[in-house]
Every structure is written in structure tokens, then in C-alpha cells.
């Protein structure tokens, strides 16, 4: 399982997030998606921790917390949706 971290500053980096979440346990992985065209951070990230108990502690402590002048949105990440249904069921192949 992983944690979704939203409303992040566009200045955030992996080391910043690792440092914050390490207070609640061992961080296995930090992923900060960036815009494909601009390379700019998109304002959210995913953090994986060693145990679900540590993830729960981090979520409880950090959801709504003020960090880098922003109120964080921290919760369990939802499974990624299948993008093949992006067209809404229409078979409009104009590529």
C-alpha cells in the first residue's frame, strides 16, 4: 500500500518528503510525478513505508498539517484506474 500526499509545494523534492515521513517509520520509496511537457512537479506524491502501521501513523499525524506554507492532504492511495476506458466508452479513434 502507499500514501497519497496532496497539496504539495512545487518546490518539494524526494529528500524533503523522505525526511518528513521518516519520523513515522522507514520510508521505502517516494515518487513525485512531474508534468510530461514542462517537467514541473504536479503538486502531489506517493510515499511507501515499511509497514501499514507506520503509514497509518504518518497519515494521522500529517493530514491537514501545515508544511512549506501549505495544508497537506494525506491519505491511503487509491488503486490506479484502468485508463483504457478514458474515452468514456466511445470508440473514437482519431489518432
N, C-alpha and C. Protein backbone atom coordinates (compact mmCIF):
# COMPACT_ATOMS: atom_id res chain seq x y z
N UNK A 1 0.84 -1.18 0.00
CA UNK A 1 0.00 0.00 0.00
C UNK A 1 0.88 1.24 0.00
N UNK A 2 0.34 2.34 -0.43
CA UNK A 2 1.10 3.58 -0.38
C UNK A 2 0.21 4.72 0.08
N UNK A 3 0.86 5.83 0.35
CA UNK A 3 0.19 7.02 0.86
C UNK A 3 0.17 8.08 -0.23
N UNK A 4 -0.99 8.72 -0.41
CA UNK A 4 -1.11 9.86 -1.31
C UNK A 4 -0.86 11.11 -0.49
N UNK A 5 -0.02 12.00 -0.99
CA UNK A 5 0.27 13.26 -0.32
C UNK A 5 -0.05 14.37 -1.31
N UNK A 6 -1.08 15.15 -1.02
CA UNK A 6 -1.52 16.21 -1.93
C UNK A 6 -1.32 17.59 -1.36
N UNK A 7 -1.52 18.58 -2.23
CA UNK A 7 -1.36 19.99 -1.93
C UNK A 7 0.09 20.32 -1.55
N UNK A 8 1.02 19.71 -2.27
CA UNK A 8 2.44 19.94 -2.00
C UNK A 8 2.93 21.21 -2.71
N UNK A 9 3.93 21.80 -2.13
CA UNK A 9 4.62 22.92 -2.77
C UNK A 9 5.28 22.42 -4.04
N UNK A 10 5.37 23.27 -5.04
CA UNK A 10 6.04 22.89 -6.28
C UNK A 10 7.56 22.85 -6.11
N UNK A 11 8.04 23.26 -4.94
CA UNK A 11 9.48 23.24 -4.64
C UNK A 11 9.91 21.95 -3.94
N UNK A 12 8.97 21.07 -3.63
CA UNK A 12 9.28 19.87 -2.85
C UNK A 12 10.17 18.90 -3.65
N UNK A 13 10.99 18.14 -2.92
CA UNK A 13 11.80 17.11 -3.56
C UNK A 13 11.74 15.83 -2.73
N UNK A 14 12.32 14.76 -3.24
CA UNK A 14 12.24 13.46 -2.58
C UNK A 14 12.88 13.48 -1.19
N UNK A 15 13.98 14.19 -1.05
CA UNK A 15 14.66 14.25 0.24
C UNK A 15 13.77 14.91 1.30
N UNK A 16 13.06 15.98 0.89
CA UNK A 16 12.15 16.67 1.81
C UNK A 16 11.10 15.71 2.34
N UNK A 17 10.43 15.01 1.43
CA UNK A 17 9.36 14.09 1.83
C UNK A 17 9.91 12.92 2.64
N UNK A 18 11.04 12.39 2.24
CA UNK A 18 11.64 11.29 2.97
C UNK A 18 11.92 11.70 4.41
N UNK A 19 12.43 12.90 4.60
CA UNK A 19 12.75 13.39 5.94
C UNK A 19 11.49 13.52 6.80
N UNK A 20 10.43 14.05 6.24
CA UNK A 20 9.18 14.24 7.00
C UNK A 20 8.57 12.89 7.38
N UNK A 21 8.48 11.97 6.41
CA UNK A 21 7.82 10.69 6.68
C UNK A 21 8.68 9.74 7.50
N UNK A 22 9.99 9.91 7.48
CA UNK A 22 10.90 9.04 8.25
C UNK A 22 10.66 9.18 9.75
N UNK A 23 10.04 10.28 10.18
CA UNK A 23 9.71 10.45 11.59
C UNK A 23 8.69 9.41 12.06
N UNK A 24 7.99 8.77 11.12
CA UNK A 24 6.94 7.81 11.46
C UNK A 24 7.30 6.38 11.10
N UNK A 25 8.52 6.16 10.61
CA UNK A 25 8.97 4.82 10.27
C UNK A 25 9.85 4.83 9.03
N UNK A 26 10.26 3.66 8.61
CA UNK A 26 11.15 3.53 7.47
C UNK A 26 10.41 3.79 6.17
N UNK A 27 10.93 4.70 5.37
CA UNK A 27 10.36 5.02 4.07
C UNK A 27 11.02 4.13 3.03
N UNK A 28 10.20 3.39 2.28
CA UNK A 28 10.73 2.50 1.24
C UNK A 28 10.90 3.23 -0.09
N UNK A 29 9.97 4.13 -0.40
CA UNK A 29 10.00 4.77 -1.71
C UNK A 29 9.20 6.07 -1.69
N UNK A 30 9.69 7.06 -2.42
CA UNK A 30 8.98 8.32 -2.62
C UNK A 30 8.90 8.56 -4.12
N UNK A 31 7.69 8.82 -4.62
CA UNK A 31 7.52 9.12 -6.05
C UNK A 31 6.78 10.45 -6.18
N UNK A 32 7.41 11.40 -6.86
CA UNK A 32 6.80 12.71 -7.10
C UNK A 32 6.58 12.85 -8.60
N UNK A 33 5.34 12.69 -9.07
CA UNK A 33 5.08 12.81 -10.51
C UNK A 33 5.35 14.22 -11.01
N UNK A 34 5.81 14.30 -12.25
CA UNK A 34 6.04 15.61 -12.86
C UNK A 34 5.30 15.67 -14.19
N UNK A 35 5.03 16.88 -14.62
CA UNK A 35 4.34 17.11 -15.89
C UNK A 35 5.23 16.64 -17.04
N UNK A 36 4.67 15.91 -17.97
CA UNK A 36 5.46 15.37 -19.09
C UNK A 36 6.06 16.46 -19.97
N UNK A 37 5.30 17.53 -20.17
CA UNK A 37 5.75 18.57 -21.08
C UNK A 37 6.69 19.58 -20.43
N UNK A 38 6.40 19.97 -19.19
CA UNK A 38 7.20 21.02 -18.56
C UNK A 38 8.24 20.48 -17.58
N UNK A 39 8.04 19.24 -17.10
CA UNK A 39 8.94 18.68 -16.11
C UNK A 39 8.68 19.19 -14.71
N UNK A 40 7.70 20.07 -14.56
CA UNK A 40 7.38 20.67 -13.26
C UNK A 40 6.63 19.67 -12.38
N UNK A 41 6.95 19.69 -11.10
CA UNK A 41 6.26 18.84 -10.13
C UNK A 41 4.77 19.16 -10.18
N UNK A 42 3.92 18.13 -10.06
CA UNK A 42 2.48 18.30 -10.22
C UNK A 42 1.75 18.62 -8.92
N UNK A 43 2.44 18.69 -7.80
CA UNK A 43 1.80 19.09 -6.55
C UNK A 43 1.30 17.94 -5.69
N UNK A 44 1.65 16.71 -6.04
CA UNK A 44 1.30 15.57 -5.21
C UNK A 44 2.39 14.53 -5.31
N UNK A 45 2.34 13.54 -4.40
CA UNK A 45 3.36 12.50 -4.37
C UNK A 45 2.77 11.23 -3.77
N UNK A 46 3.53 10.15 -3.89
CA UNK A 46 3.19 8.88 -3.27
C UNK A 46 4.37 8.43 -2.43
N UNK A 47 4.06 8.00 -1.21
CA UNK A 47 5.10 7.54 -0.29
C UNK A 47 4.75 6.12 0.14
N UNK A 48 5.72 5.22 0.04
CA UNK A 48 5.55 3.85 0.52
C UNK A 48 6.41 3.68 1.76
N UNK A 49 5.81 3.11 2.79
CA UNK A 49 6.54 2.89 4.04
C UNK A 49 6.66 1.40 4.31
N UNK A 50 7.53 1.06 5.25
CA UNK A 50 7.82 -0.34 5.54
C UNK A 50 6.62 -1.12 6.06
N UNK A 51 5.76 -0.46 6.83
CA UNK A 51 4.60 -1.19 7.37
C UNK A 51 3.35 -0.33 7.29
N UNK A 52 2.22 -1.00 7.27
CA UNK A 52 0.95 -0.30 7.24
C UNK A 52 0.72 0.49 8.53
N UNK A 53 1.22 -0.03 9.64
CA UNK A 53 1.10 0.69 10.92
C UNK A 53 1.82 2.04 10.85
N UNK A 54 3.01 2.05 10.23
CA UNK A 54 3.74 3.30 10.08
C UNK A 54 3.01 4.25 9.14
N UNK A 55 2.43 3.71 8.07
CA UNK A 55 1.64 4.54 7.16
C UNK A 55 0.47 5.17 7.89
N UNK A 56 -0.22 4.38 8.72
CA UNK A 56 -1.36 4.91 9.47
C UNK A 56 -0.94 6.03 10.42
N UNK A 57 0.21 5.85 11.09
CA UNK A 57 0.71 6.89 12.00
C UNK A 57 1.02 8.18 11.23
N UNK A 58 1.64 8.04 10.07
CA UNK A 58 2.00 9.20 9.26
C UNK A 58 0.75 9.92 8.76
N UNK A 59 -0.23 9.16 8.31
CA UNK A 59 -1.47 9.76 7.81
C UNK A 59 -2.16 10.53 8.93
N UNK A 60 -2.28 9.92 10.09
CA UNK A 60 -2.94 10.56 11.23
C UNK A 60 -2.24 11.85 11.63
N UNK A 61 -0.92 11.83 11.63
CA UNK A 61 -0.15 12.99 12.08
C UNK A 61 -0.08 14.10 11.03
N UNK A 62 -0.02 13.73 9.75
CA UNK A 62 0.28 14.73 8.72
C UNK A 62 -0.92 15.24 7.93
N UNK A 63 -2.05 14.53 7.94
CA UNK A 63 -3.21 15.01 7.20
C UNK A 63 -3.69 16.33 7.80
N UNK A 64 -3.66 17.37 6.98
CA UNK A 64 -4.08 18.70 7.43
C UNK A 64 -2.95 19.52 8.04
N UNK A 65 -1.78 18.91 8.22
CA UNK A 65 -0.65 19.62 8.82
C UNK A 65 -0.12 20.69 7.87
N UNK A 66 0.36 21.77 8.44
CA UNK A 66 0.95 22.86 7.67
C UNK A 66 2.41 22.52 7.39
N UNK A 67 2.81 22.53 6.11
CA UNK A 67 4.19 22.24 5.72
C UNK A 67 4.52 22.99 4.45
N UNK A 68 5.60 23.74 4.46
CA UNK A 68 6.02 24.57 3.34
C UNK A 68 4.89 25.52 2.92
N UNK A 69 4.24 26.10 3.93
CA UNK A 69 3.14 27.06 3.75
C UNK A 69 1.90 26.49 3.07
N UNK A 70 1.69 25.18 3.21
CA UNK A 70 0.51 24.54 2.64
C UNK A 70 -0.06 23.52 3.62
N UNK A 71 -1.38 23.36 3.59
CA UNK A 71 -2.05 22.34 4.41
C UNK A 71 -2.04 21.03 3.62
N UNK A 72 -1.32 20.04 4.12
CA UNK A 72 -1.18 18.78 3.42
C UNK A 72 -2.48 17.98 3.40
N UNK A 73 -2.68 17.25 2.34
CA UNK A 73 -3.77 16.28 2.22
C UNK A 73 -3.10 14.91 2.16
N UNK A 74 -3.25 14.11 3.21
CA UNK A 74 -2.54 12.83 3.30
C UNK A 74 -3.55 11.72 3.59
N UNK A 75 -3.58 10.71 2.71
CA UNK A 75 -4.47 9.57 2.92
C UNK A 75 -3.96 8.35 2.17
N UNK A 76 -4.64 7.23 2.36
CA UNK A 76 -4.27 6.00 1.65
C UNK A 76 -4.45 6.25 0.15
N UNK A 77 -3.48 5.82 -0.62
CA UNK A 77 -3.58 5.96 -2.07
C UNK A 77 -4.61 4.97 -2.60
N UNK A 78 -5.40 5.41 -3.56
CA UNK A 78 -6.38 4.53 -4.19
C UNK A 78 -5.72 3.83 -5.37
N UNK A 79 -6.16 2.61 -5.67
CA UNK A 79 -5.58 1.90 -6.82
C UNK A 79 -5.78 2.70 -8.10
N UNK A 80 -4.80 2.61 -8.97
CA UNK A 80 -4.86 3.32 -10.24
C UNK A 80 -5.97 2.75 -11.11
N UNK A 81 -6.76 3.64 -11.72
CA UNK A 81 -7.85 3.19 -12.58
C UNK A 81 -7.33 2.79 -13.94
N UNK A 82 -8.06 1.90 -14.59
CA UNK A 82 -7.71 1.47 -15.94
C UNK A 82 -7.96 2.62 -16.90
N UNK A 83 -6.93 3.07 -17.57
CA UNK A 83 -7.05 4.22 -18.47
C UNK A 83 -7.60 3.85 -19.84
N UNK A 84 -7.83 2.58 -20.12
CA UNK A 84 -8.35 2.19 -21.43
C UNK A 84 -9.79 2.66 -21.61
N UNK A 85 -10.47 2.98 -20.52
CA UNK A 85 -11.85 3.45 -20.62
C UNK A 85 -11.90 4.98 -20.58
N UNK A 86 -10.79 5.63 -20.86
CA UNK A 86 -10.69 7.09 -20.81
C UNK A 86 -11.66 7.77 -21.77
N UNK A 87 -11.95 7.16 -22.92
CA UNK A 87 -12.82 7.78 -23.91
C UNK A 87 -14.29 7.73 -23.52
N UNK A 88 -14.58 7.19 -22.36
CA UNK A 88 -15.97 7.14 -21.91
C UNK A 88 -16.79 6.11 -22.65
N UNK A 89 -16.16 5.10 -23.19
CA UNK A 89 -16.89 4.04 -23.87
C UNK A 89 -17.05 4.28 -25.36
N UNK A 90 -16.72 5.47 -25.84
CA UNK A 90 -16.84 5.75 -27.27
C UNK A 90 -15.63 5.17 -28.00
N UNK A 91 -15.85 4.69 -29.18
CA UNK A 91 -14.72 4.19 -29.97
C UNK A 91 -14.39 5.22 -31.04
N UNK A 92 -13.81 6.30 -30.58
CA UNK A 92 -13.46 7.41 -31.46
C UNK A 92 -11.97 7.40 -31.68
N UNK A 93 -11.51 6.72 -32.71
CA UNK A 93 -10.09 6.56 -32.95
C UNK A 93 -9.57 7.58 -33.94
N UNK A 94 -9.39 8.78 -33.50
CA UNK A 94 -8.88 9.84 -34.39
C UNK A 94 -7.43 10.14 -34.03
N UNK A 95 -6.55 9.21 -34.26
CA UNK A 95 -5.12 9.42 -33.95
C UNK A 95 -4.32 9.47 -35.20
